[in-house]
C-alpha atoms as a PDB file:
ATOM      1  CA  UNK A   1      -0.182   0.338  -0.129  1.00  0.00           C
ATOM      2  CA  UNK A   2       1.053   3.669  -1.198  1.00  0.00           C
ATOM      3  CA  UNK A   3       1.815   5.782   2.018  1.00  0.00           C
ATOM      4  CA  UNK A   4      -0.136   9.207   2.328  1.00  0.00           C
ATOM      5  CA  UNK A   5       2.052  12.570   3.478  1.00  0.00           C
ATOM      6  CA  UNK A   6       1.289  16.051   4.101  1.00  0.00           C
ATOM      7  CA  UNK A   7       3.878  18.311   2.580  1.00  0.00           C
ATOM      8  CA  UNK A   8       5.130  20.369   5.552  1.00  0.00           C
ATOM      9  CA  UNK A   9       8.486  20.723   7.155  1.00  0.00           C
ATOM     10  CA  UNK A  10       8.088  18.208   9.070  1.00  0.00           C
ATOM     11  CA  UNK A  11       9.977  14.793   8.532  1.00  0.00           C
ATOM     12  CA  UNK A  12       8.158  12.063   7.046  1.00  0.00           C
ATOM     13  CA  UNK A  13       9.560   8.096   7.303  1.00  0.00           C
ATOM     14  CA  UNK A  14       8.421   6.113   4.491  1.00  0.00           C
ATOM     15  CA  UNK A  15       8.268   2.320   4.456  1.00  0.00           C
ATOM     16  CA  UNK A  16       9.536   0.094   1.700  1.00  0.00           C
ATOM     17  CA  UNK A  17       8.551  -3.660   2.258  1.00  0.00           C
ATOM     18  CA  UNK A  18      11.473  -6.358   1.080  1.00  0.00           C
ATOM     19  CA  UNK A  19      10.034  -9.498  -0.153  1.00  0.00           C
ATOM     20  CA  UNK A  20      10.513 -12.024  -2.863  1.00  0.00           C
ATOM     21  CA  UNK A  21      10.907 -11.146  -5.402  1.00  0.00           C
ATOM     22  CA  UNK A  22       9.946  -7.027  -4.996  1.00  0.00           C
ATOM     23  CA  UNK A  23      10.601  -3.429  -3.475  1.00  0.00           C
ATOM     24  CA  UNK A  24       6.878  -2.309  -2.480  1.00  0.00           C
ATOM     25  CA  UNK A  25       6.624   0.701  -3.228  1.00  0.00           C
ATOM     26  CA  UNK A  26       8.933   0.242  -6.126  1.00  0.00           C
ATOM     27  CA  UNK A  27       8.840   4.098  -6.531  1.00  0.00           C
ATOM     28  CA  UNK A  28       8.005   7.164  -3.891  1.00  0.00           C
ATOM     29  CA  UNK A  29       8.368  10.771  -3.983  1.00  0.00           C
ATOM     30  CA  UNK A  30       9.709  12.151  -0.995  1.00  0.00           C
ATOM     31  CA  UNK A  31      11.010  15.649   0.523  1.00  0.00           C
ATOM     32  CA  UNK A  32      14.470  16.519   1.789  1.00  0.00           C
ATOM     33  CA  UNK A  33      14.902  15.465   5.631  1.00  0.00           C
ATOM     34  CA  UNK A  34      12.428  12.470   5.012  1.00  0.00           C
ATOM     35  CA  UNK A  35      13.838   8.528   5.679  1.00  0.00           C
ATOM     36  CA  UNK A  36      13.030   5.843   4.080  1.00  0.00           C
ATOM     37  CA  UNK A  37      13.406   3.209   5.593  1.00  0.00           C
ATOM     38  CA  UNK A  38      13.573  -0.975   4.195  1.00  0.00           C
ATOM     39  CA  UNK A  39      11.967  -3.647   6.165  1.00  0.00           C
ATOM     40  CA  UNK A  40      12.620  -6.938   5.355  1.00  0.00           C
ATOM     41  CA  UNK A  41       9.150  -8.878   5.299  1.00  0.00           C
ATOM     42  CA  UNK A  42      10.049 -12.329   3.952  1.00  0.00           C
ATOM     43  CA  UNK A  43      11.967 -14.389   1.762  1.00  0.00           C
ATOM     44  CA  UNK A  44      12.948 -17.568   0.001  1.00  0.00           C
ATOM     45  CA  UNK A  45      17.247 -15.919   0.361  1.00  0.00           C
ATOM     46  CA  UNK A  46      18.649 -12.851   1.022  1.00  0.00           C
ATOM     47  CA  UNK A  47      18.211  -9.365  -0.330  1.00  0.00           C
ATOM     48  CA  UNK A  48      20.016  -6.336  -0.268  1.00  0.00           C
ATOM     49  CA  UNK A  49      19.132  -2.853  -0.942  1.00  0.00           C
ATOM     50  CA  UNK A  50      22.133  -0.936  -2.654  1.00  0.00           C
ATOM     51  CA  UNK A  51      22.156   2.227  -4.474  1.00  0.00           C
ATOM     52  CA  UNK A  52      22.871   2.653  -8.161  1.00  0.00           C
ATOM     53  CA  UNK A  53      22.523   6.505  -9.327  1.00  0.00           C
ATOM     54  CA  UNK A  54      22.210   8.897  -6.726  1.00  0.00           C
ATOM     55  CA  UNK A  55      22.680  12.878  -6.865  1.00  0.00           C
ATOM     56  CA  UNK A  56      25.900  14.831  -6.215  1.00  0.00           C
ATOM     57  CA  UNK A  57      26.403  15.071  -2.827  1.00  0.00           C
ATOM     58  CA  UNK A  58      24.746  12.044  -1.912  1.00  0.00           C
ATOM     59  CA  UNK A  59      26.093   9.115   0.443  1.00  0.00           C
ATOM     60  CA  UNK A  60      25.568   5.392  -1.255  1.00  0.00           C
ATOM     61  CA  UNK A  61      24.455   2.444   0.958  1.00  0.00           C
ATOM     62  CA  UNK A  62      24.989  -1.124   0.340  1.00  0.00           C
ATOM     63  CA  UNK A  63      22.955  -3.115   3.063  1.00  0.00           C
ATOM     64  CA  UNK A  64      22.126  -6.970   4.076  1.00  0.00           C
ATOM     65  CA  UNK A  65      18.687  -7.416   4.385  1.00  0.00           C
ATOM     66  CA  UNK A  66      17.198 -10.877   6.190  1.00  0.00           C
ATOM     67  CA  UNK A  67      15.710 -12.879   9.532  1.00  0.00           C
ATOM     68  CA  UNK A  68      18.385 -11.360  11.355  1.00  0.00           C
ATOM     69  CA  UNK A  69      18.860  -7.349   9.717  1.00  0.00           C
ATOM     70  CA  UNK A  70      15.488  -6.514   9.641  1.00  0.00           C
ATOM     71  CA  UNK A  71      15.447  -2.830   8.369  1.00  0.00           C
ATOM     72  CA  UNK A  72      17.937  -0.221   7.177  1.00  0.00           C
ATOM     73  CA  UNK A  73      17.081   3.780   7.235  1.00  0.00           C
ATOM     74  CA  UNK A  74      18.616   6.440   4.490  1.00  0.00           C
ATOM     75  CA  UNK A  75      17.569   9.842   5.550  1.00  0.00           C
ATOM     76  CA  UNK A  76      17.348  11.921   1.742  1.00  0.00           C
ATOM     77  CA  UNK A  77      19.789  15.144   2.533  1.00  0.00           C
ATOM     78  CA  UNK A  78      19.770  16.068  -1.357  1.00  0.00           C
ATOM     79  CA  UNK A  79      17.297  16.593  -3.654  1.00  0.00           C
ATOM     80  CA  UNK A  80      17.417  15.043  -6.984  1.00  0.00           C
ATOM     81  CA  UNK A  81      17.043  10.948  -8.463  1.00  0.00           C
ATOM     82  CA  UNK A  82      17.956   8.175  -6.792  1.00  0.00           C
ATOM     83  CA  UNK A  83      17.767   4.474  -8.218  1.00  0.00           C
ATOM     84  CA  UNK A  84      18.955   1.373  -6.470  1.00  0.00           C
ATOM     85  CA  UNK A  85      18.343  -2.423  -6.411  1.00  0.00           C
ATOM     86  CA  UNK A  86      19.533  -5.880  -4.357  1.00  0.00           C
ATOM     87  CA  UNK A  87      22.378  -6.931  -5.709  1.00  0.00           C
ATOM     88  CA  UNK A  88      21.339 -10.344  -5.356  1.00  0.00           C
ATOM     89  CA  UNK A  89      18.678 -10.202  -7.711  1.00  0.00           C
ATOM     90  CA  UNK A  90      19.565  -7.237 -10.117  1.00  0.00           C
ATOM     91  CA  UNK A  91      17.682  -7.946 -12.868  1.00  0.00           C
ATOM     92  CA  UNK A  92      14.122  -7.800 -11.454  1.00  0.00           C
ATOM     93  CA  UNK A  93      14.175  -6.346  -7.625  1.00  0.00           C
ATOM     94  CA  UNK A  94      14.841  -2.887  -8.669  1.00  0.00           C
ATOM     95  CA  UNK A  95      13.382   0.393  -6.981  1.00  0.00           C
ATOM     96  CA  UNK A  96      14.046   4.542  -6.713  1.00  0.00           C
ATOM     97  CA  UNK A  97      12.360   7.912  -4.893  1.00  0.00           C
ATOM     98  CA  UNK A  98      12.588  10.953  -6.301  1.00  0.00           C
ATOM     99  CA  UNK A  99      13.426  13.850  -3.413  1.00  0.00           C
ATOM    100  CA  UNK A 100      12.187  17.249  -3.570  1.00  0.00           C
ATOM    101  CA  UNK A 101      13.234  20.656  -2.134  1.00  0.00           C
ATOM    102  CA  UNK A 102      10.524  21.665  -0.256  1.00  0.00           C
ATOM    103  CA  UNK A 103       8.308  24.332  -1.236  1.00  0.00           C
ATOM    104  CA  UNK A 104       5.856  26.870   0.673  1.00  0.00           C
ATOM    105  CA  UNK A 105       2.857  25.222   0.142  1.00  0.00           C
ATOM    106  CA  UNK A 106       0.809  22.943   2.130  1.00  0.00           C
ATOM    107  CA  UNK A 107      -0.816  19.939   0.544  1.00  0.00           C
ATOM    108  CA  UNK A 108      -3.692  18.975   2.917  1.00  0.00           C
ATOM    109  CA  UNK A 109      -5.176  16.132   1.176  1.00  0.00           C
ATOM    110  CA  UNK A 110      -4.816  14.491  -2.302  1.00  0.00           C
ATOM    111  CA  UNK A 111      -6.762  11.437  -3.431  1.00  0.00           C
ATOM    112  CA  UNK A 112      -8.327   9.998  -6.764  1.00  0.00           C
ATOM    113  CA  UNK A 113     -11.823   9.125  -7.030  1.00  0.00           C
ATOM    114  CA  UNK A 114     -13.998   7.824 -10.237  1.00  0.00           C
ATOM    115  CA  UNK A 115     -15.687  10.196 -12.092  1.00  0.00           C
ATOM    116  CA  UNK A 116     -17.839   8.520 -14.958  1.00  0.00           C
ATOM    117  CA  UNK A 117     -15.469   5.916 -15.007  1.00  0.00           C
ATOM    118  CA  UNK A 118     -12.753   8.493 -15.306  1.00  0.00           C
ATOM    119  CA  UNK A 119      -9.964   8.877 -13.015  1.00  0.00           C
ATOM    120  CA  UNK A 120     -10.725  11.945 -10.629  1.00  0.00           C
ATOM    121  CA  UNK A 121      -7.763  13.787  -9.067  1.00  0.00           C
ATOM    122  CA  UNK A 122      -8.560  15.964  -6.077  1.00  0.00           C
ATOM    123  CA  UNK A 123      -6.516  17.932  -3.656  1.00  0.00           C
ATOM    124  CA  UNK A 124      -6.290  21.039  -1.109  1.00  0.00           C
ATOM    125  CA  UNK A 125      -3.802  23.119   0.018  1.00  0.00           C
ATOM    126  CA  UNK A 126      -4.018  25.118   3.425  1.00  0.00           C
ATOM    127  CA  UNK A 127      -1.531  27.784   2.452  1.00  0.00           C
ATOM    128  CA  UNK A 128       0.416  28.580  -1.067  1.00  0.00           C
ATOM    129  CA  UNK A 129       3.057  31.116  -1.695  1.00  0.00           C
ATOM    130  CA  UNK A 130       4.204  32.409  -4.662  1.00  0.00           C
ATOM    131  CA  UNK A 131       2.472  29.164  -6.242  1.00  0.00           C
ATOM    132  CA  UNK A 132       2.526  29.256  -9.838  1.00  0.00           C
ATOM    133  CA  UNK A 133       0.518  25.714 -11.035  1.00  0.00           C
ATOM    134  CA  UNK A 134       0.063  22.231 -10.312  1.00  0.00           C
ATOM    135  CA  UNK A 135       1.733  19.766 -12.779  1.00  0.00           C
ATOM    136  CA  UNK A 136      -1.078  16.726 -13.129  1.00  0.00           C
ATOM    137  CA  UNK A 137       1.466  13.401 -13.986  1.00  0.00           C
ATOM    138  CA  UNK A 138       0.425   9.546 -14.831  1.00  0.00           C
ATOM    139  CA  UNK A 139       2.114   6.493 -14.528  1.00  0.00           C
ATOM    140  CA  UNK A 140       1.106   3.070 -16.294  1.00  0.00           C
ATOM    141  CA  UNK A 141       3.731   1.207 -14.254  1.00  0.00           C
ATOM    142  CA  UNK A 142       3.831   3.473 -11.086  1.00  0.00           C
ATOM    143  CA  UNK A 143       7.336   4.336 -11.855  1.00  0.00           C
ATOM    144  CA  UNK A 144       7.700   6.217 -15.127  1.00  0.00           C
ATOM    145  CA  UNK A 145       5.588   9.153 -14.969  1.00  0.00           C
ATOM    146  CA  UNK A 146       4.724  12.043 -17.457  1.00  0.00           C
ATOM    147  CA  UNK A 147       2.795  15.690 -17.621  1.00  0.00           C
ATOM    148  CA  UNK A 148      -0.593  15.296 -18.605  1.00  0.00           C
ATOM    149  CA  UNK A 149      -1.731  18.570 -17.816  1.00  0.00           C
ATOM    150  CA  UNK A 150      -1.554  21.936 -16.009  1.00  0.00           C
ATOM    151  CA  UNK A 151      -3.787  23.079 -13.296  1.00  0.00           C
ATOM    152  CA  UNK A 152      -2.934  27.166 -12.376  1.00  0.00           C
ATOM    153  CA  UNK A 153      -2.957  27.598  -8.749  1.00  0.00           C
ATOM    154  CA  UNK A 154      -4.331  30.933  -6.960  1.00  0.00           C
ATOM    155  CA  UNK A 155      -0.908  31.899  -5.767  1.00  0.00           C
ATOM    156  CA  UNK A 156      -0.922  33.631  -2.276  1.00  0.00           C
ATOM    157  CA  UNK A 157      -3.337  31.993   0.079  1.00  0.00           C
ATOM    158  CA  UNK A 158      -3.760  31.628   3.913  1.00  0.00           C
ATOM    159  CA  UNK A 159      -7.276  29.634   3.692  1.00  0.00           C
ATOM    160  CA  UNK A 160      -7.895  26.466   1.953  1.00  0.00           C
ATOM    161  CA  UNK A 161      -8.275  26.219  -1.924  1.00  0.00           C
ATOM    162  CA  UNK A 162      -9.481  23.177  -3.505  1.00  0.00           C
ATOM    163  CA  UNK A 163      -8.457  21.958  -6.760  1.00  0.00           C
ATOM    164  CA  UNK A 164      -9.412  18.868  -9.105  1.00  0.00           C
ATOM    165  CA  UNK A 165      -8.799  17.181 -12.413  1.00  0.00           C
ATOM    166  CA  UNK A 166     -10.435  14.266 -14.560  1.00  0.00           C
ATOM    167  CA  UNK A 167      -8.230  12.077 -17.080  1.00  0.00           C
ATOM    168  CA  UNK A 168     -10.338  11.668 -19.729  1.00  0.00           C
ATOM    169  CA  UNK A 169      -7.518   9.539 -21.789  1.00  0.00           C
ATOM    170  CA  UNK A 170      -7.159   6.398 -19.804  1.00  0.00           C
ATOM    171  CA  UNK A 171      -7.184   2.832 -21.769  1.00  0.00           C
ATOM    172  CA  UNK A 172     -10.124   1.462 -20.851  1.00  0.00           C
ATOM    173  CA  UNK A 173      -8.062  -2.268 -20.628  1.00  0.00           C
ATOM    174  CA  UNK A 174      -5.729  -0.162 -17.553  1.00  0.00           C
ATOM    175  CA  UNK A 175      -6.732  -2.271 -14.382  1.00  0.00           C
ATOM    176  CA  UNK A 176      -4.144   0.283 -12.058  1.00  0.00           C
ATOM    177  CA  UNK A 177      -3.190   4.177 -13.136  1.00  0.00           C
ATOM    178  CA  UNK A 178      -1.136   5.937 -11.141  1.00  0.00           C
ATOM    179  CA  UNK A 179      -0.991  10.031 -10.410  1.00  0.00           C
ATOM    180  CA  UNK A 180       1.429  12.402  -9.023  1.00  0.00           C
ATOM    181  CA  UNK A 181       1.299  15.977  -8.827  1.00  0.00           C
ATOM    182  CA  UNK A 182       4.234  18.778  -9.043  1.00  0.00           C
ATOM    183  CA  UNK A 183       3.643  22.478  -7.299  1.00  0.00           C
ATOM    184  CA  UNK A 184       4.983  24.811  -9.223  1.00  0.00           C
ATOM    185  CA  UNK A 185       6.226  27.805  -7.830  1.00  0.00           C
ATOM    186  CA  UNK A 186       6.753  31.013  -9.554  1.00  0.00           C
ATOM    187  CA  UNK A 187      10.740  30.704  -9.277  1.00  0.00           C
ATOM    188  CA  UNK A 188      10.598  27.483 -10.951  1.00  0.00           C
ATOM    189  CA  UNK A 189      11.229  25.516  -8.170  1.00  0.00           C
ATOM    190  CA  UNK A 190       8.918  22.402  -7.968  1.00  0.00           C
ATOM    191  CA  UNK A 191       7.970  19.536  -4.987  1.00  0.00           C
ATOM    192  CA  UNK A 192       5.773  15.912  -6.055  1.00  0.00           C
ATOM    193  CA  UNK A 193       3.634  14.985  -4.129  1.00  0.00           C
ATOM    194  CA  UNK A 194       2.557  11.002  -3.056  1.00  0.00           C
ATOM    195  CA  UNK A 195       1.681   8.640  -5.654  1.00  0.00           C
ATOM    196  CA  UNK A 196      -2.005   7.723  -5.734  1.00  0.00           C
ATOM    197  CA  UNK A 197      -3.014   4.710  -7.258  1.00  0.00           C
ATOM    198  CA  UNK A 198      -6.517   4.613  -9.176  1.00  0.00           C
ATOM    199  CA  UNK A 199      -8.197   1.318  -9.891  1.00  0.00           C
ATOM    200  CA  UNK A 200     -10.474   1.046 -12.977  1.00  0.00           C
ATOM    201  CA  UNK A 201     -13.688  -0.564 -12.185  1.00  0.00           C
ATOM    202  CA  UNK A 202     -14.966  -1.061 -16.064  1.00  0.00           C
ATOM    203  CA  UNK A 203     -11.104  -2.990 -16.922  1.00  0.00           C
ATOM    204  CA  UNK A 204     -11.314  -7.038 -17.101  1.00  0.00           C
ATOM    205  CA  UNK A 205     -10.126  -8.533 -13.797  1.00  0.00           C
ATOM    206  CA  UNK A 206      -6.684  -9.843 -14.520  1.00  0.00           C
ATOM    207  CA  UNK A 207      -4.064 -11.337 -12.481  1.00  0.00           C
ATOM    208  CA  UNK A 208      -1.297 -12.015 -15.553  1.00  0.00           C
ATOM    209  CA  UNK A 209      -0.455  -9.363 -17.434  1.00  0.00           C
ATOM    210  CA  UNK A 210       2.981  -9.822 -18.702  1.00  0.00           C
ATOM    211  CA  UNK A 211       4.998 -13.319 -18.997  1.00  0.00           C
ATOM    212  CA  UNK A 212       8.192 -14.072 -20.016  1.00  0.00           C
ATOM    213  CA  UNK A 213      10.100 -14.926 -21.924  1.00  0.00           C
ATOM    214  CA  UNK A 214       8.670 -17.925 -23.341  1.00  0.00           C
ATOM    215  CA  UNK A 215      10.465 -20.537 -24.562  1.00  0.00           C
ATOM    216  CA  UNK A 216      12.737 -20.038 -21.081  1.00  0.00           C
ATOM    217  CA  UNK A 217      15.986 -20.194 -21.648  1.00  0.00           C
ATOM    218  CA  UNK A 218      19.594 -20.309 -19.619  1.00  0.00           C
ATOM    219  CA  UNK A 219      19.800 -19.563 -16.415  1.00  0.00           C
ATOM    220  CA  UNK A 220      15.514 -20.363 -16.329  1.00  0.00           C
ATOM    221  CA  UNK A 221      14.455 -16.970 -15.036  1.00  0.00           C
ATOM    222  CA  UNK A 222      10.708 -15.994 -15.704  1.00  0.00           C
ATOM    223  CA  UNK A 223       9.765 -12.793 -15.018  1.00  0.00           C
ATOM    224  CA  UNK A 224       6.080 -11.751 -14.901  1.00  0.00           C
ATOM    225  CA  UNK A 225       3.629  -9.119 -14.199  1.00  0.00           C
ATOM    226  CA  UNK A 226       0.964  -9.203 -12.420  1.00  0.00           C
ATOM    227  CA  UNK A 227      -2.592  -7.529 -10.812  1.00  0.00           C
ATOM    228  CA  UNK A 228      -3.233  -7.686  -6.873  1.00  0.00           C
ATOM    229  CA  UNK A 229      -6.730  -5.409  -6.113  1.00  0.00           C
ATOM    230  CA  UNK A 230      -4.862  -6.215  -2.556  1.00  0.00           C
ATOM    231  CA  UNK A 231      -2.173  -7.131  -0.517  1.00  0.00           C
ATOM    232  CA  UNK A 232      -1.630 -11.025  -0.332  1.00  0.00           C
ATOM    233  CA  UNK A 233       0.763 -13.836  -1.363  1.00  0.00           C
ATOM    234  CA  UNK A 234       0.057 -15.122  -4.812  1.00  0.00           C
ATOM    235  CA  UNK A 235       1.191 -18.548  -5.865  1.00  0.00           C
ATOM    236  CA  UNK A 236       2.465 -19.973  -8.531  1.00  0.00           C
ATOM    237  CA  UNK A 237       2.954 -23.813  -9.226  1.00  0.00           C
ATOM    238  CA  UNK A 238       3.957 -25.354 -12.269  1.00  0.00           C
ATOM    239  CA  UNK A 239       3.079 -28.871 -13.633  1.00  0.00           C
ATOM    240  CA  UNK A 240       4.414 -30.903 -16.370  1.00  0.00           C
ATOM    241  CA  UNK A 241       2.805 -32.595 -19.128  1.00  0.00           C
ATOM    242  CA  UNK A 242       0.918 -35.414 -17.104  1.00  0.00           C
ATOM    243  CA  UNK A 243       0.064 -33.324 -14.538  1.00  0.00           C
ATOM    244  CA  UNK A 244       2.664 -33.919 -11.937  1.00  0.00           C
ATOM    245  CA  UNK A 245       3.491 -30.856  -9.870  1.00  0.00           C
ATOM    246  CA  UNK A 246       6.958 -30.133 -10.021  1.00  0.00           C
ATOM    247  CA  UNK A 247       7.474 -26.683  -8.462  1.00  0.00           C
ATOM    248  CA  UNK A 248       5.305 -24.382  -6.168  1.00  0.00           C
ATOM    249  CA  UNK A 249       6.365 -21.124  -4.794  1.00  0.00           C
ATOM    250  CA  UNK A 250       4.456 -18.232  -3.486  1.00  0.00           C
ATOM    251  CA  UNK A 251       5.214 -14.102  -4.522  1.00  0.00           C
ATOM    252  CA  UNK A 252       4.455 -11.255  -2.123  1.00  0.00           C
ATOM    253  CA  UNK A 253       1.718  -9.190  -3.869  1.00  0.00           C
ATOM    254  CA  UNK A 254       0.724  -4.929  -3.209  1.00  0.00           C
ATOM    255  CA  UNK A 255      -2.159  -3.370  -4.343  1.00  0.00           C
ATOM    256  CA  UNK A 256      -1.875  -2.496  -7.667  1.00  0.00           C
ATOM    257  CA  UNK A 257       0.666  -3.479 -11.354  1.00  0.00           C
ATOM    258  CA  UNK A 258       3.652  -6.475  -9.222  1.00  0.00           C
ATOM    259  CA  UNK A 259       6.814  -7.754 -10.429  1.00  0.00           C
ATOM    260  CA  UNK A 260       8.054 -11.123 -10.222  1.00  0.00           C
ATOM    261  CA  UNK A 261      10.518 -13.895 -10.717  1.00  0.00           C
ATOM    262  CA  UNK A 262      10.496 -17.374 -10.429  1.00  0.00           C
ATOM    263  CA  UNK A 263      13.739 -19.182 -11.167  1.00  0.00           C
ATOM    264  CA  UNK A 264      13.475 -22.547 -13.753  1.00  0.00           C
ATOM    265  CA  UNK A 265      17.268 -23.063 -14.623  1.00  0.00           C
ATOM    266  CA  UNK A 266      16.525 -26.596 -12.507  1.00  0.00           C
ATOM    267  CA  UNK A 267      13.736 -27.867 -14.137  1.00  0.00           C
ATOM    268  CA  UNK A 268      14.171 -30.711 -17.465  1.00  0.00           C
ATOM    269  CA  UNK A 269      13.595 -29.112 -20.917  1.00  0.00           C
ATOM    270  CA  UNK A 270      10.171 -29.611 -22.120  1.00  0.00           C
ATOM    271  CA  UNK A 271       6.524 -28.031 -22.053  1.00  0.00           C
ATOM    272  CA  UNK A 272       4.630 -27.274 -18.496  1.00  0.00           C
ATOM    273  CA  UNK A 273       1.528 -25.573 -17.285  1.00  0.00           C
ATOM    274  CA  UNK A 274       1.976 -22.754 -14.511  1.00  0.00           C
ATOM    275  CA  UNK A 275      -1.133 -21.714 -12.458  1.00  0.00           C
ATOM    276  CA  UNK A 276      -1.750 -18.440 -10.499  1.00  0.00           C
ATOM    277  CA  UNK A 277      -3.726 -17.780  -8.139  1.00  0.00           C
ATOM    278  CA  UNK A 278      -4.429 -14.898  -6.186  1.00  0.00           C
ATOM    279  CA  UNK A 279      -7.402 -12.967  -4.318  1.00  0.00           C
ATOM    280  CA  UNK A 280      -9.414 -15.857  -5.579  1.00  0.00           C
ATOM    281  CA  UNK A 281      -8.400 -15.351  -9.461  1.00  0.00           C
ATOM    282  CA  UNK A 282      -7.119 -18.137 -10.466  1.00  0.00           C
ATOM    283  CA  UNK A 283      -5.058 -18.408 -14.695  1.00  0.00           C
ATOM    284  CA  UNK A 284      -2.812 -21.111 -16.238  1.00  0.00           C
ATOM    285  CA  UNK A 285      -0.449 -20.686 -19.176  1.00  0.00           C
ATOM    286  CA  UNK A 286       1.254 -22.778 -21.485  1.00  0.00           C
ATOM    287  CA  UNK A 287       5.415 -22.540 -21.032  1.00  0.00           C
ATOM    288  CA  UNK A 288       8.330 -23.968 -22.699  1.00  0.00           C
ATOM    289  CA  UNK A 289      11.668 -24.930 -21.077  1.00  0.00           C
ATOM    290  CA  UNK A 290      14.112 -24.683 -23.910  1.00  0.00           C
END
């Protein structure tokens, strides 16, 4: 579940859950002085949180997380974009966060709502100083955001101001959409809001959205992307052509779009059926191990 936050000068701690095989949430917007805390939830192996790219002046980190070392906290002191990974599973476990310098605006609320089956965004400010506009940003994967519109700000105010925006261009088949807003002042400085999820109720209930590569070649990594309507654990079972269960594994799920990984490097070449189950939704797929 993504955290909510009021943009003030007070530092906030943001929790990133670490489990097989993802960081959740994998993307965050925070403010200078905030703390990112990685917390070990579960896993069949060790994981790390290891910095990849960081702004000049920021401190690197490389920490092992497991059942004995349960958490690690990092204070964001430098504005900019940060990326990190699990060094033990670098292809499948990656995350990022963007650190903004605070602007003199108090964002008292920000949430999504359904407006005639379209994503509606609503937010309010308690105070504004020299504010120019709000940049509305959308992502289909929770990681890569682009501006889709701008809403003029009041500019200067010490009383509550309410704003809204309706996204008319969401693809009907998209189950989840992610949004954030950038508060931009007249000097060009900006601060990002927390990320919010919109659930498209009209989209078909589909569990697995991506399964690759297929056929599966050495070293046998099957990458998948899947939807989850609520937090839980997805079960994946692999069966041979005689119907014998060959492998069973669990993948942690958070609400929204999830990324996972199943290692099939030890199974013989052949054709298999893989069955997924999460929150009462079941789907089966044919895969081939080369």
